[in-house]
Amino acid sequence: MTFPPRPFSPFARHARLAMLAPVCVGGVVAGAWLAAGDASAATQTASVTISTSIPATCTVTALSDMAFSATIASTTAQTHDAQGGFRVNCTNAGIYGVSIPVSANGLGTQRRMFSSGGGGYLLYDV
């Protein structure tokens, strides 16, 4: 049994070309990959110096208020003692100093507070 030759069909030719296209594209991609060479990652090491600076921040908190008024009102003595305290907290380790200078109302080396109500001064020492 013999078959007659097929007539030329543009559709049949188009179908054959479409079947060959993936093979051609695959060959181009494979060729480009081989031409690119080895694309594997390499590991390298290096030394890097890193430094930072943390500024010192300190807070001063009073532990208790000193109440002079009750002591002064009950006696006629020239000097009165009262105790108080404060806490200093700083953010990073280091050497810190605490100093209490003569106040804005001081006279020479004498510390004194100004009373806005009575206009007088309260002399004090730390």
PDB file of N, CA and C in Angstrom:
ATOM      1  N   MET A   1       0.833  -1.155   0.000  1.00  0.00           N
ATOM      2  CA  MET A   1       0.000   0.000   0.000  1.00  0.00           C
ATOM      3  C   MET A   1       0.889   1.233   0.000  1.00  0.00           C
ATOM      4  N   THR A   2       0.664   2.070  -0.921  1.00  0.00           N
ATOM      5  CA  THR A   2       1.421   3.299  -1.046  1.00  0.00           C
ATOM      6  C   THR A   2       0.477   4.477  -0.893  1.00  0.00           C
ATOM      7  N   PHE A   3       1.052   5.502  -0.324  1.00  0.00           N
ATOM      8  CA  PHE A   3       0.261   6.728  -0.118  1.00  0.00           C
ATOM      9  C   PHE A   3       0.706   7.774  -1.125  1.00  0.00           C
ATOM     10  N   PRO A   4      -0.224   8.539  -1.571  1.00  0.00           N
ATOM     11  CA  PRO A   4       0.181   9.580  -2.500  1.00  0.00           C
ATOM     12  C   PRO A   4       0.982  10.655  -1.767  1.00  0.00           C
ATOM     13  N   PRO A   5       1.847  11.355  -2.450  1.00  0.00           N
ATOM     14  CA  PRO A   5       2.616  12.409  -1.784  1.00  0.00           C
ATOM     15  C   PRO A   5       1.679  13.482  -1.243  1.00  0.00           C
ATOM     16  N   ARG A   6       2.073  14.036  -0.128  1.00  0.00           N
ATOM     17  CA  ARG A   6       1.247  15.067   0.520  1.00  0.00           C
ATOM     18  C   ARG A   6       1.412  16.371  -0.220  1.00  0.00           C
ATOM     19  N   PRO A   7       0.348  17.071  -0.339  1.00  0.00           N
ATOM     20  CA  PRO A   7       0.498  18.370  -0.971  1.00  0.00           C
ATOM     21  C   PRO A   7       1.205  19.341  -0.021  1.00  0.00           C
ATOM     22  N   PHE A   8       1.878  20.328  -0.574  1.00  0.00           N
ATOM     23  CA  PHE A   8       2.585  21.323   0.239  1.00  0.00           C
ATOM     24  C   PHE A   8       1.569  22.140   1.015  1.00  0.00           C
ATOM     25  N   SER A   9       1.804  22.251   2.326  1.00  0.00           N
ATOM     26  CA  SER A   9       0.895  23.021   3.183  1.00  0.00           C
ATOM     27  C   SER A   9       1.736  23.983   4.018  1.00  0.00           C
ATOM     28  N   PRO A  10       1.445  25.295   3.954  1.00  0.00           N
ATOM     29  CA  PRO A  10       2.200  26.235   4.788  1.00  0.00           C
ATOM     30  C   PRO A  10       1.995  25.964   6.270  1.00  0.00           C
ATOM     31  N   PHE A  11       0.817  25.465   6.646  1.00  0.00           N
ATOM     32  CA  PHE A  11       0.556  25.163   8.053  1.00  0.00           C
ATOM     33  C   PHE A  11       1.451  24.031   8.531  1.00  0.00           C
ATOM     34  N   ALA A  12       1.602  23.018   7.704  1.00  0.00           N
ATOM     35  CA  ALA A  12       2.438  21.885   8.084  1.00  0.00           C
ATOM     36  C   ALA A  12       3.879  22.338   8.266  1.00  0.00           C
ATOM     37  N   ARG A  13       4.353  23.215   7.413  1.00  0.00           N
ATOM     38  CA  ARG A  13       5.723  23.727   7.543  1.00  0.00           C
ATOM     39  C   ARG A  13       5.854  24.562   8.818  1.00  0.00           C
ATOM     40  N   HIS A  14       4.872  25.374   9.110  1.00  0.00           N
ATOM     41  CA  HIS A  14       4.872  26.199  10.324  1.00  0.00           C
ATOM     42  C   HIS A  14       4.901  25.322  11.580  1.00  0.00           C
ATOM     43  N   ALA A  15       4.170  24.230  11.546  1.00  0.00           N
ATOM     44  CA  ALA A  15       4.151  23.318  12.690  1.00  0.00           C
ATOM     45  C   ALA A  15       5.516  22.685  12.885  1.00  0.00           C
ATOM     46  N   ARG A  16       6.171  22.335  11.777  1.00  0.00           N
ATOM     47  CA  ARG A  16       7.501  21.729  11.896  1.00  0.00           C
ATOM     48  C   ARG A  16       8.514  22.731  12.452  1.00  0.00           C
ATOM     49  N   LEU A  17       8.442  23.984  12.031  1.00  0.00           N
ATOM     50  CA  LEU A  17       9.354  25.012  12.545  1.00  0.00           C
ATOM     51  C   LEU A  17       9.100  25.283  14.025  1.00  0.00           C
ATOM     52  N   ALA A  18       7.841  25.256  14.419  1.00  0.00           N
ATOM     53  CA  ALA A  18       7.517  25.470  15.830  1.00  0.00           C
ATOM     54  C   ALA A  18       8.083  24.360  16.693  1.00  0.00           C
ATOM     55  N   MET A  19       8.146  23.157  16.145  1.00  0.00           N
ATOM     56  CA  MET A  19       8.700  22.044  16.914  1.00  0.00           C
ATOM     57  C   MET A  19      10.218  22.171  17.031  1.00  0.00           C
ATOM     58  N   LEU A  20      10.866  22.796  16.055  1.00  0.00           N
ATOM     59  CA  LEU A  20      12.316  22.954  16.097  1.00  0.00           C
ATOM     60  C   LEU A  20      12.757  24.151  16.939  1.00  0.00           C
ATOM     61  N   ALA A  21      11.891  25.115  17.188  1.00  0.00           N
ATOM     62  CA  ALA A  21      12.259  26.337  17.912  1.00  0.00           C
ATOM     63  C   ALA A  21      12.787  26.058  19.314  1.00  0.00           C
ATOM     64  N   PRO A  22      12.138  25.215  20.133  1.00  0.00           N
ATOM     65  CA  PRO A  22      12.698  24.963  21.475  1.00  0.00           C
ATOM     66  C   PRO A  22      14.087  24.349  21.435  1.00  0.00           C
ATOM     67  N   VAL A  23      14.345  23.517  20.439  1.00  0.00           N
ATOM     68  CA  VAL A  23      15.661  22.893  20.331  1.00  0.00           C
ATOM     69  C   VAL A  23      16.702  23.955  20.016  1.00  0.00           C
ATOM     70  N   CYS A  24      16.393  24.875  19.121  1.00  0.00           N
ATOM     71  CA  CYS A  24      17.333  25.941  18.760  1.00  0.00           C
ATOM     72  C   CYS A  24      17.582  26.883  19.928  1.00  0.00           C
ATOM     73  N   VAL A  25      16.508  27.281  20.611  1.00  0.00           N
ATOM     74  CA  VAL A  25      16.657  28.185  21.758  1.00  0.00           C
ATOM     75  C   VAL A  25      17.448  27.503  22.857  1.00  0.00           C
ATOM     76  N   GLY A  26      17.189  26.229  23.098  1.00  0.00           N
ATOM     77  CA  GLY A  26      17.934  25.490  24.117  1.00  0.00           C
ATOM     78  C   GLY A  26      19.410  25.439  23.797  1.00  0.00           C
ATOM     79  N   GLY A  27      19.742  25.274  22.521  1.00  0.00           N
ATOM     80  CA  GLY A  27      21.141  25.253  22.128  1.00  0.00           C
ATOM     81  C   GLY A  27      21.816  26.597  22.336  1.00  0.00           C
ATOM     82  N   VAL A  28      21.109  27.683  22.059  1.00  0.00           N
ATOM     83  CA  VAL A  28      21.668  29.025  22.264  1.00  0.00           C
ATOM     84  C   VAL A  28      21.911  29.272  23.745  1.00  0.00           C
ATOM     85  N   VAL A  29      20.952  28.895  24.600  1.00  0.00           N
ATOM     86  CA  VAL A  29      21.108  29.083  26.049  1.00  0.00           C
ATOM     87  C   VAL A  29      22.268  28.257  26.573  1.00  0.00           C
ATOM     88  N   ALA A  30      22.376  27.013  26.131  1.00  0.00           N
ATOM     89  CA  ALA A  30      23.473  26.160  26.587  1.00  0.00           C
ATOM     90  C   ALA A  30      24.815  26.733  26.142  1.00  0.00           C
ATOM     91  N   GLY A  31      24.879  27.245  24.919  1.00  0.00           N
ATOM     92  CA  GLY A  31      26.123  27.844  24.439  1.00  0.00           C
ATOM     93  C   GLY A  31      26.515  29.076  25.231  1.00  0.00           C
ATOM     94  N   ALA A  32      25.537  29.903  25.576  1.00  0.00           N
ATOM     95  CA  ALA A  32      25.823  31.100  26.371  1.00  0.00           C
ATOM     96  C   ALA A  32      26.309  30.720  27.765  1.00  0.00           C
ATOM     97  N   TRP A  33      25.735  29.686  28.341  1.00  0.00           N
ATOM     98  CA  TRP A  33      26.129  29.244  29.680  1.00  0.00           C
ATOM     99  C   TRP A  33      27.565  28.729  29.671  1.00  0.00           C
ATOM    100  N   LEU A  34      27.906  27.968  28.628  1.00  0.00           N
ATOM    101  CA  LEU A  34      29.272  27.449  28.532  1.00  0.00           C
ATOM    102  C   LEU A  34      30.278  28.566  28.268  1.00  0.00           C
ATOM    103  N   ALA A  35      29.880  29.571  27.513  1.00  0.00           N
ATOM    104  CA  ALA A  35      30.785  30.678  27.212  1.00  0.00           C
ATOM    105  C   ALA A  35      31.028  31.558  28.432  1.00  0.00           C
ATOM    106  N   ALA A  36      30.079  31.590  29.368  1.00  0.00           N
ATOM    107  CA  ALA A  36      30.209  32.443  30.552  1.00  0.00           C
ATOM    108  C   ALA A  36      31.276  31.935  31.496  1.00  0.00           C
ATOM    109  N   GLY A  37      31.620  30.689  31.428  1.00  0.00           N
ATOM    110  CA  GLY A  37      32.637  30.147  32.312  1.00  0.00           C
ATOM    111  C   GLY A  37      32.059  29.772  33.661  1.00  0.00           C
ATOM    112  N   ASP A  38      32.946  29.542  34.618  1.00  0.00           N
ATOM    113  CA  ASP A  38      32.532  29.116  35.958  1.00  0.00           C
ATOM    114  C   ASP A  38      31.954  30.300  36.718  1.00  0.00           C
ATOM    115  N   ALA A  39      30.701  30.187  37.130  1.00  0.00           N
ATOM    116  CA  ALA A  39      30.029  31.276  37.847  1.00  0.00           C
ATOM    117  C   ALA A  39      29.830  30.929  39.315  1.00  0.00           C
ATOM    118  N   SER A  40      30.595  29.998  39.831  1.00  0.00           N
ATOM    119  CA  SER A  40      30.410  29.620  41.236  1.00  0.00           C
ATOM    120  C   SER A  40      30.985  30.697  42.150  1.00  0.00           C
ATOM    121  N   ALA A  41      30.434  30.792  43.369  1.00  0.00           N
ATOM    122  CA  ALA A  41      30.852  31.813  44.340  1.00  0.00           C
ATOM    123  C   ALA A  41      32.155  31.404  45.006  1.00  0.00           C
ATOM    124  N   ALA A  42      32.976  32.385  45.332  1.00  0.00           N
ATOM    125  CA  ALA A  42      34.229  32.144  46.032  1.00  0.00           C
ATOM    126  C   ALA A  42      34.144  32.769  47.418  1.00  0.00           C
ATOM    127  N   THR A  43      34.843  32.204  48.372  1.00  0.00           N
ATOM    128  CA  THR A  43      34.855  32.724  49.734  1.00  0.00           C
ATOM    129  C   THR A  43      36.185  33.411  49.986  1.00  0.00           C
ATOM    130  N   GLN A  44      36.115  34.646  50.489  1.00  0.00           N
ATOM    131  CA  GLN A  44      37.319  35.388  50.829  1.00  0.00           C
ATOM    132  C   GLN A  44      37.169  35.916  52.245  1.00  0.00           C
ATOM    133  N   THR A  45      38.265  36.057  52.938  1.00  0.00           N
ATOM    134  CA  THR A  45      38.242  36.617  54.290  1.00  0.00           C
ATOM    135  C   THR A  45      39.107  37.871  54.327  1.00  0.00           C
ATOM    136  N   ALA A  46      38.734  38.773  55.228  1.00  0.00           N
ATOM    137  CA  ALA A  46      39.486  40.013  55.404  1.00  0.00           C
ATOM    138  C   ALA A  46      39.306  40.483  56.837  1.00  0.00           C
ATOM    139  N   SER A  47      40.251  41.249  57.320  1.00  0.00           N
ATOM    140  CA  SER A  47      40.150  41.830  58.656  1.00  0.00           C
ATOM    141  C   SER A  47      39.598  43.240  58.542  1.00  0.00           C
ATOM    142  N   VAL A  48      38.668  43.560  59.416  1.00  0.00           N
ATOM    143  CA  VAL A  48      38.042  44.878  59.426  1.00  0.00           C
ATOM    144  C   VAL A  48      38.088  45.402  60.851  1.00  0.00           C
ATOM    145  N   THR A  49      38.518  46.642  61.027  1.00  0.00           N
ATOM    146  CA  THR A  49      38.535  47.270  62.342  1.00  0.00           C
ATOM    147  C   THR A  49      37.265  48.085  62.508  1.00  0.00           C
ATOM    148  N   ILE A  50      36.533  47.797  63.570  1.00  0.00           N
ATOM    149  CA  ILE A  50      35.284  48.504  63.851  1.00  0.00           C
ATOM    150  C   ILE A  50      35.401  49.132  65.230  1.00  0.00           C
ATOM    151  N   SER A  51      34.997  50.390  65.349  1.00  0.00           N
ATOM    152  CA  SER A  51      35.011  51.045  66.653  1.00  0.00           C
ATOM    153  C   SER A  51      33.754  51.880  66.799  1.00  0.00           C
ATOM    154  N   THR A  52      33.410  52.133  68.038  1.00  0.00           N
ATOM    155  CA  THR A  52      32.247  52.959  68.323  1.00  0.00           C
ATOM    156  C   THR A  52      32.532  53.791  69.556  1.00  0.00           C
ATOM    157  N   SER A  53      31.772  54.806  69.745  1.00  0.00           N
ATOM    158  CA  SER A  53      31.923  55.670  70.904  1.00  0.00           C
ATOM    159  C   SER A  53      30.560  55.831  71.560  1.00  0.00           C
ATOM    160  N   ILE A  54      30.483  55.503  72.829  1.00  0.00           N
ATOM    161  CA  ILE A  54      29.238  55.652  73.578  1.00  0.00           C
ATOM    162  C   ILE A  54      29.424  56.822  74.529  1.00  0.00           C
ATOM    163  N   PRO A  55      28.709  57.905  74.289  1.00  0.00           N
ATOM    164  CA  PRO A  55      28.881  59.067  75.169  1.00  0.00           C
ATOM    165  C   PRO A  55      28.374  58.772  76.577  1.00  0.00           C
ATOM    166  N   ALA A  56      29.066  59.334  77.547  1.00  0.00           N
ATOM    167  CA  ALA A  56      28.665  59.152  78.942  1.00  0.00           C
ATOM    168  C   ALA A  56      27.459  60.029  79.237  1.00  0.00           C
ATOM    169  N   THR A  57      26.450  59.425  79.787  1.00  0.00           N
ATOM    170  CA  THR A  57      25.265  60.153  80.208  1.00  0.00           C
ATOM    171  C   THR A  57      25.009  59.786  81.655  1.00  0.00           C
ATOM    172  N   CYS A  58      24.942  60.772  82.504  1.00  0.00           N
ATOM    173  CA  CYS A  58      24.718  60.522  83.924  1.00  0.00           C
ATOM    174  C   CYS A  58      23.451  61.238  84.378  1.00  0.00           C
ATOM    175  N   THR A  59      22.761  60.604  85.296  1.00  0.00           N
ATOM    176  CA  THR A  59      21.593  61.236  85.915  1.00  0.00           C
ATOM    177  C   THR A  59      21.830  61.320  87.413  1.00  0.00           C
ATOM    178  N   VAL A  60      21.386  62.402  87.995  1.00  0.00           N
ATOM    179  CA  VAL A  60      21.511  62.616  89.438  1.00  0.00           C
ATOM    180  C   VAL A  60      20.105  62.638  90.007  1.00  0.00           C
ATOM    181  N   THR A  61      19.870  61.803  91.021  1.00  0.00           N
ATOM    182  CA  THR A  61      18.552  61.690  91.632  1.00  0.00           C
ATOM    183  C   THR A  61      18.672  61.925  93.130  1.00  0.00           C
ATOM    184  N   ALA A  62      17.814  62.778  93.662  1.00  0.00           N
ATOM    185  CA  ALA A  62      17.794  63.015  95.112  1.00  0.00           C
ATOM    186  C   ALA A  62      17.125  61.824  95.790  1.00  0.00           C
ATOM    187  N   LEU A  63      17.740  61.333  96.858  1.00  0.00           N
ATOM    188  CA  LEU A  63      17.157  60.215  97.596  1.00  0.00           C
ATOM    189  C   LEU A  63      16.088  60.690  98.570  1.00  0.00           C
ATOM    190  N   SER A  64      16.290  61.874  99.118  1.00  0.00           N
ATOM    191  CA  SER A  64      15.292  62.419 100.045  1.00  0.00           C
ATOM    192  C   SER A  64      15.438  63.936 100.087  1.00  0.00           C
ATOM    193  N   ASP A  65      14.352  64.606 100.420  1.00  0.00           N
ATOM    194  CA  ASP A  65      14.397  66.060 100.591  1.00  0.00           C
ATOM    195  C   ASP A  65      14.893  66.384 101.991  1.00  0.00           C
ATOM    196  N   MET A  66      15.604  67.484 102.112  1.00  0.00           N
ATOM    197  CA  MET A  66      16.049  67.934 103.432  1.00  0.00           C
ATOM    198  C   MET A  66      15.042  68.963 103.932  1.00  0.00           C
ATOM    199  N   ALA A  67      14.453  68.699 105.053  1.00  0.00           N
ATOM    200  CA  ALA A  67      13.441  69.607 105.615  1.00  0.00           C
ATOM    201  C   ALA A  67      14.085  70.427 106.721  1.00  0.00           C
ATOM    202  N   PHE A  68      14.335  71.699 106.447  1.00  0.00           N
ATOM    203  CA  PHE A  68      14.933  72.587 107.441  1.00  0.00           C
ATOM    204  C   PHE A  68      13.883  73.290 108.290  1.00  0.00           C
ATOM    205  N   SER A  69      12.732  73.543 107.722  1.00  0.00           N
ATOM    206  CA  SER A  69      11.768  74.427 108.394  1.00  0.00           C
ATOM    207  C   SER A  69      11.372  73.938 109.782  1.00  0.00           C
ATOM    208  N   ALA A  70      11.120  72.665 109.986  1.00  0.00           N
ATOM    209  CA  ALA A  70      10.722  72.160 111.307  1.00  0.00           C
ATOM    210  C   ALA A  70      11.875  72.283 112.298  1.00  0.00           C
ATOM    211  N   THR A  71      13.102  72.027 111.863  1.00  0.00           N
ATOM    212  CA  THR A  71      14.266  72.113 112.746  1.00  0.00           C
ATOM    213  C   THR A  71      14.550  73.557 113.129  1.00  0.00           C
ATOM    214  N   ILE A  72      14.503  74.447 112.176  1.00  0.00           N
ATOM    215  CA  ILE A  72      14.808  75.853 112.437  1.00  0.00           C
ATOM    216  C   ILE A  72      13.753  76.489 113.327  1.00  0.00           C
ATOM    217  N   ALA A  73      12.500  76.156 113.130  1.00  0.00           N
ATOM    218  CA  ALA A  73      11.422  76.765 113.920  1.00  0.00           C
ATOM    219  C   ALA A  73      11.455  76.333 115.376  1.00  0.00           C
ATOM    220  N   SER A  74      12.020  75.175 115.678  1.00  0.00           N
ATOM    221  CA  SER A  74      11.980  74.666 117.053  1.00  0.00           C
ATOM    222  C   SER A  74      13.195  75.036 117.887  1.00  0.00           C
ATOM    223  N   THR A  75      14.176  75.725 117.335  1.00  0.00           N
ATOM    224  CA  THR A  75      15.385  76.052 118.085  1.00  0.00           C
ATOM    225  C   THR A  75      15.896  77.437 117.707  1.00  0.00           C
ATOM    226  N   THR A  76      16.732  77.978 118.566  1.00  0.00           N
ATOM    227  CA  THR A  76      17.330  79.288 118.287  1.00  0.00           C
ATOM    228  C   THR A  76      18.818  79.170 117.977  1.00  0.00           C
ATOM    229  N   ALA A  77      19.299  77.951 117.771  1.00  0.00           N
ATOM    230  CA  ALA A  77      20.723  77.740 117.485  1.00  0.00           C
ATOM    231  C   ALA A  77      21.087  78.339 116.135  1.00  0.00           C
ATOM    232  N   GLN A  78      22.366  78.714 116.000  1.00  0.00           N
ATOM    233  CA  GLN A  78      22.843  79.322 114.761  1.00  0.00           C
ATOM    234  C   GLN A  78      23.061  78.286 113.647  1.00  0.00           C
ATOM    235  N   THR A  79      23.395  77.058 113.996  1.00  0.00           N
ATOM    236  CA  THR A  79      23.636  76.032 112.978  1.00  0.00           C
ATOM    237  C   THR A  79      22.629  74.906 113.137  1.00  0.00           C
ATOM    238  N   HIS A  80      22.261  74.348 112.051  1.00  0.00           N
ATOM    239  CA  HIS A  80      21.314  73.233 112.037  1.00  0.00           C
ATOM    240  C   HIS A  80      21.842  72.189 111.065  1.00  0.00           C
ATOM    241  N   ASP A  81      21.802  70.980 111.499  1.00  0.00           N
ATOM    242  CA  ASP A  81      22.253  69.887 110.632  1.00  0.00           C
ATOM    243  C   ASP A  81      21.041  69.164 110.053  1.00  0.00           C
ATOM    244  N   ALA A  82      21.135  68.850 108.805  1.00  0.00           N
ATOM    245  CA  ALA A  82      20.128  68.024 108.139  1.00  0.00           C
ATOM    246  C   ALA A  82      20.875  67.115 107.179  1.00  0.00           C
ATOM    247  N   GLN A  83      20.360  65.942 106.995  1.00  0.00           N
ATOM    248  CA  GLN A  83      21.033  64.986 106.114  1.00  0.00           C
ATOM    249  C   GLN A  83      20.172  64.702 104.891  1.00  0.00           C
ATOM    250  N   GLY A  84      20.829  64.467 103.823  1.00  0.00           N
ATOM    251  CA  GLY A  84      20.170  64.102 102.573  1.00  0.00           C
ATOM    252  C   GLY A  84      21.150  63.318 101.733  1.00  0.00           C
ATOM    253  N   GLY A  85      20.721  62.870 100.639  1.00  0.00           N
ATOM    254  CA  GLY A  85      21.613  62.105  99.767  1.00  0.00           C
ATOM    255  C   GLY A  85      21.157  62.186  98.324  1.00  0.00           C
ATOM    256  N   PHE A  86      22.027  61.729  97.460  1.00  0.00           N
ATOM    257  CA  PHE A  86      21.691  61.677  96.044  1.00  0.00           C
ATOM    258  C   PHE A  86      22.393  60.483  95.424  1.00  0.00           C
ATOM    259  N   ARG A  87      21.900  60.067  94.296  1.00  0.00           N
ATOM    260  CA  ARG A  87      22.458  58.916  93.575  1.00  0.00           C
ATOM    261  C   ARG A  87      22.852  59.388  92.179  1.00  0.00           C
ATOM    262  N   VAL A  88      24.015  58.919  91.719  1.00  0.00           N
ATOM    263  CA  VAL A  88      24.497  59.235  90.376  1.00  0.00           C
ATOM    264  C   VAL A  88      24.552  57.930  89.589  1.00  0.00           C
ATOM    265  N   ASN A  89      23.830  57.867  88.477  1.00  0.00           N
ATOM    266  CA  ASN A  89      23.841  56.699  87.584  1.00  0.00           C
ATOM    267  C   ASN A  89      24.380  57.134  86.228  1.00  0.00           C
ATOM    268  N   CYS A  90      25.395  56.405  85.752  1.00  0.00           N
ATOM    269  CA  CYS A  90      25.997  56.732  84.457  1.00  0.00           C
ATOM    270  C   CYS A  90      25.831  55.555  83.501  1.00  0.00           C
ATOM    271  N   THR A  91      25.786  55.850  82.196  1.00  0.00           N
ATOM    272  CA  THR A  91      25.470  54.836  81.193  1.00  0.00           C
ATOM    273  C   THR A  91      26.597  53.848  80.922  1.00  0.00           C
ATOM    274  N   ASN A  92      27.838  54.232  81.008  1.00  0.00           N
ATOM    275  CA  ASN A  92      28.910  53.289  80.692  1.00  0.00           C
ATOM    276  C   ASN A  92      30.003  53.361  81.752  1.00  0.00           C
ATOM    277  N   ALA A  93      30.817  52.337  81.775  1.00  0.00           N
ATOM    278  CA  ALA A  93      31.871  52.263  82.785  1.00  0.00           C
ATOM    279  C   ALA A  93      32.935  53.321  82.511  1.00  0.00           C
ATOM    280  N   GLY A  94      33.496  53.823  83.544  1.00  0.00           N
ATOM    281  CA  GLY A  94      34.533  54.837  83.402  1.00  0.00           C
ATOM    282  C   GLY A  94      34.761  55.519  84.729  1.00  0.00           C
ATOM    283  N   ILE A  95      35.613  56.502  84.725  1.00  0.00           N
ATOM    284  CA  ILE A  95      35.913  57.257  85.935  1.00  0.00           C
ATOM    285  C   ILE A  95      35.144  58.565  85.868  1.00  0.00           C
ATOM    286  N   TYR A  96      34.351  58.808  86.881  1.00  0.00           N
ATOM    287  CA  TYR A  96      33.543  60.016  86.942  1.00  0.00           C
ATOM    288  C   TYR A  96      33.829  60.739  88.241  1.00  0.00           C
ATOM    289  N   GLY A  97      33.692  62.023  88.210  1.00  0.00           N
ATOM    290  CA  GLY A  97      33.848  62.826  89.415  1.00  0.00           C
ATOM    291  C   GLY A  97      32.576  63.606  89.674  1.00  0.00           C
ATOM    292  N   VAL A  98      32.283  63.813  90.932  1.00  0.00           N
ATOM    293  CA  VAL A  98      31.126  64.611  91.320  1.00  0.00           C
ATOM    294  C   VAL A  98      31.649  65.790  92.116  1.00  0.00           C
ATOM    295  N   SER A  99      31.294  66.976  91.682  1.00  0.00           N
ATOM    296  CA  SER A  99      31.693  68.167  92.425  1.00  0.00           C
ATOM    297  C   SER A  99      30.469  69.051  92.603  1.00  0.00           C
ATOM    298  N   ILE A 100      30.446  69.742  93.715  1.00  0.00           N
ATOM    299  CA  ILE A 100      29.353  70.658  94.013  1.00  0.00           C
ATOM    300  C   ILE A 100      29.975  72.039  94.165  1.00  0.00           C
ATOM    301  N   PRO A 101      29.885  72.835  93.121  1.00  0.00           N
ATOM    302  CA  PRO A 101      30.520  74.154  93.180  1.00  0.00           C
ATOM    303  C   PRO A 101      29.715  75.117  94.047  1.00  0.00           C
ATOM    304  N   VAL A 102      30.321  76.240  94.325  1.00  0.00           N
ATOM    305  CA  VAL A 102      29.615  77.298  95.049  1.00  0.00           C
ATOM    306  C   VAL A 102      28.439  77.728  94.182  1.00  0.00           C
ATOM    307  N   SER A 103      27.286  77.913  94.802  1.00  0.00           N
ATOM    308  CA  SER A 103      26.073  78.236  94.044  1.00  0.00           C
ATOM    309  C   SER A 103      26.141  79.628  93.424  1.00  0.00           C
ATOM    310  N   ALA A 104      25.159  79.934  92.619  1.00  0.00           N
ATOM    311  CA  ALA A 104      25.094  81.249  91.982  1.00  0.00           C
ATOM    312  C   ALA A 104      24.951  82.357  93.017  1.00  0.00           C
ATOM    313  N   ASN A 105      24.435  82.033  94.200  1.00  0.00           N
ATOM    314  CA  ASN A 105      24.253  83.030  95.259  1.00  0.00           C
ATOM    315  C   ASN A 105      25.374  82.986  96.288  1.00  0.00           C
ATOM    316  N   GLY A 106      26.416  82.182  96.014  1.00  0.00           N
ATOM    317  CA  GLY A 106      27.510  82.060  96.971  1.00  0.00           C
ATOM    318  C   GLY A 106      28.274  83.369  97.127  1.00  0.00           C
ATOM    319  N   LEU A 107      28.971  83.460  98.250  1.00  0.00           N
ATOM    320  CA  LEU A 107      29.783  84.642  98.528  1.00  0.00           C
ATOM    321  C   LEU A 107      31.179  84.132  98.866  1.00  0.00           C
ATOM    322  N   GLY A 108      32.130  84.279  97.930  1.00  0.00           N
ATOM    323  CA  GLY A 108      33.461  83.714  98.131  1.00  0.00           C
ATOM    324  C   GLY A 108      33.362  82.199  98.067  1.00  0.00           C
ATOM    325  N   THR A 109      33.831  81.528  99.132  1.00  0.00           N
ATOM    326  CA  THR A 109      33.735  80.073  99.195  1.00  0.00           C
ATOM    327  C   THR A 109      32.508  79.626  99.983  1.00  0.00           C
ATOM    328  N   GLN A 110      31.746  80.565 100.519  1.00  0.00           N
ATOM    329  CA  GLN A 110      30.555  80.238 101.307  1.00  0.00           C
ATOM    330  C   GLN A 110      29.375  79.943 100.375  1.00  0.00           C
ATOM    331  N   ARG A 111      28.803  78.776 100.540  1.00  0.00           N
ATOM    332  CA  ARG A 111      27.603  78.428  99.782  1.00  0.00           C
ATOM    333  C   ARG A 111      26.395  79.035 100.488  1.00  0.00           C
ATOM    334  N   ARG A 112      25.456  79.524  99.703  1.00  0.00           N
ATOM    335  CA  ARG A 112      24.237  80.047 100.298  1.00  0.00           C
ATOM    336  C   ARG A 112      23.106  80.007  99.276  1.00  0.00           C
ATOM    337  N   MET A 113      21.902  79.801  99.782  1.00  0.00           N
ATOM    338  CA  MET A 113      20.694  79.804  98.956  1.00  0.00           C
ATOM    339  C   MET A 113      19.919  81.070  99.243  1.00  0.00           C
ATOM    340  N   PHE A 114      19.312  81.603  98.209  1.00  0.00           N
ATOM    341  CA  PHE A 114      18.535  82.826  98.334  1.00  0.00           C
ATOM    342  C   PHE A 114      17.073  82.470  98.564  1.00  0.00           C
ATOM    343  N   SER A 115      16.463  83.123  99.510  1.00  0.00           N
ATOM    344  CA  SER A 115      15.045  82.926  99.800  1.00  0.00           C
ATOM    345  C   SER A 115      14.253  84.001  99.072  1.00  0.00           C
ATOM    346  N   SER A 116      13.494  83.604  98.072  1.00  0.00           N
ATOM    347  CA  SER A 116      12.745  84.597  97.297  1.00  0.00           C
ATOM    348  C   SER A 116      11.605  85.207  98.108  1.00  0.00           C
ATOM    349  N   GLY A 117      11.073  84.473  99.082  1.00  0.00           N
ATOM    350  CA  GLY A 117       9.971  85.001  99.889  1.00  0.00           C
ATOM    351  C   GLY A 117      10.420  86.033 100.904  1.00  0.00           C
ATOM    352  N   GLY A 118      11.518  85.765 101.592  1.00  0.00           N
ATOM    353  CA  GLY A 118      11.965  86.661 102.655  1.00  0.00           C
ATOM    354  C   GLY A 118      13.110  87.556 102.258  1.00  0.00           C
ATOM    355  N   GLY A 119      13.725  87.295 101.127  1.00  0.00           N
ATOM    356  CA  GLY A 119      14.821  88.136 100.678  1.00  0.00           C
ATOM    357  C   GLY A 119      16.135  87.851 101.376  1.00  0.00           C
ATOM    358  N   GLY A 120      16.219  86.841 102.242  1.00  0.00           N
ATOM    359  CA  GLY A 120      17.462  86.532 102.940  1.00  0.00           C
ATOM    360  C   GLY A 120      18.185  85.357 102.310  1.00  0.00           C
ATOM    361  N   TYR A 121      19.280  84.954 102.956  1.00  0.00           N
ATOM    362  CA  TYR A 121      20.099  83.854 102.474  1.00  0.00           C
ATOM    363  C   TYR A 121      20.170  82.764 103.532  1.00  0.00           C
ATOM    364  N   LEU A 122      20.260  81.528 103.081  1.00  0.00           N
ATOM    365  CA  LEU A 122      20.494  80.389 103.959  1.00  0.00           C
ATOM    366  C   LEU A 122      21.900  79.899 103.645  1.00  0.00           C
ATOM    367  N   LEU A 123      22.803  80.024 104.609  1.00  0.00           N
ATOM    368  CA  LEU A 123      24.173  79.557 104.417  1.00  0.00           C
ATOM    369  C   LEU A 123      24.187  78.045 104.590  1.00  0.00           C
ATOM    370  N   TYR A 124      24.953  77.372 103.775  1.00  0.00           N
ATOM    371  CA  TYR A 124      25.033  75.910 103.893  1.00  0.00           C
ATOM    372  C   TYR A 124      26.417  75.437 103.504  1.00  0.00           C
ATOM    373  N   ASP A 125      26.711  74.202 103.893  1.00  0.00           N
ATOM    374  CA  ASP A 125      27.966  73.561 103.539  1.00  0.00           C
ATOM    375  C   ASP A 125      27.650  72.115 103.187  1.00  0.00           C
ATOM    376  N   VAL A 126      28.446  71.571 102.328  1.00  0.00           N
ATOM    377  CA  VAL A 126      28.217  70.187 101.897  1.00  0.00           C
ATOM    378  C   VAL A 126      29.364  69.342 102.380  1.00  0.00           C
TER     379      VAL A 126
END
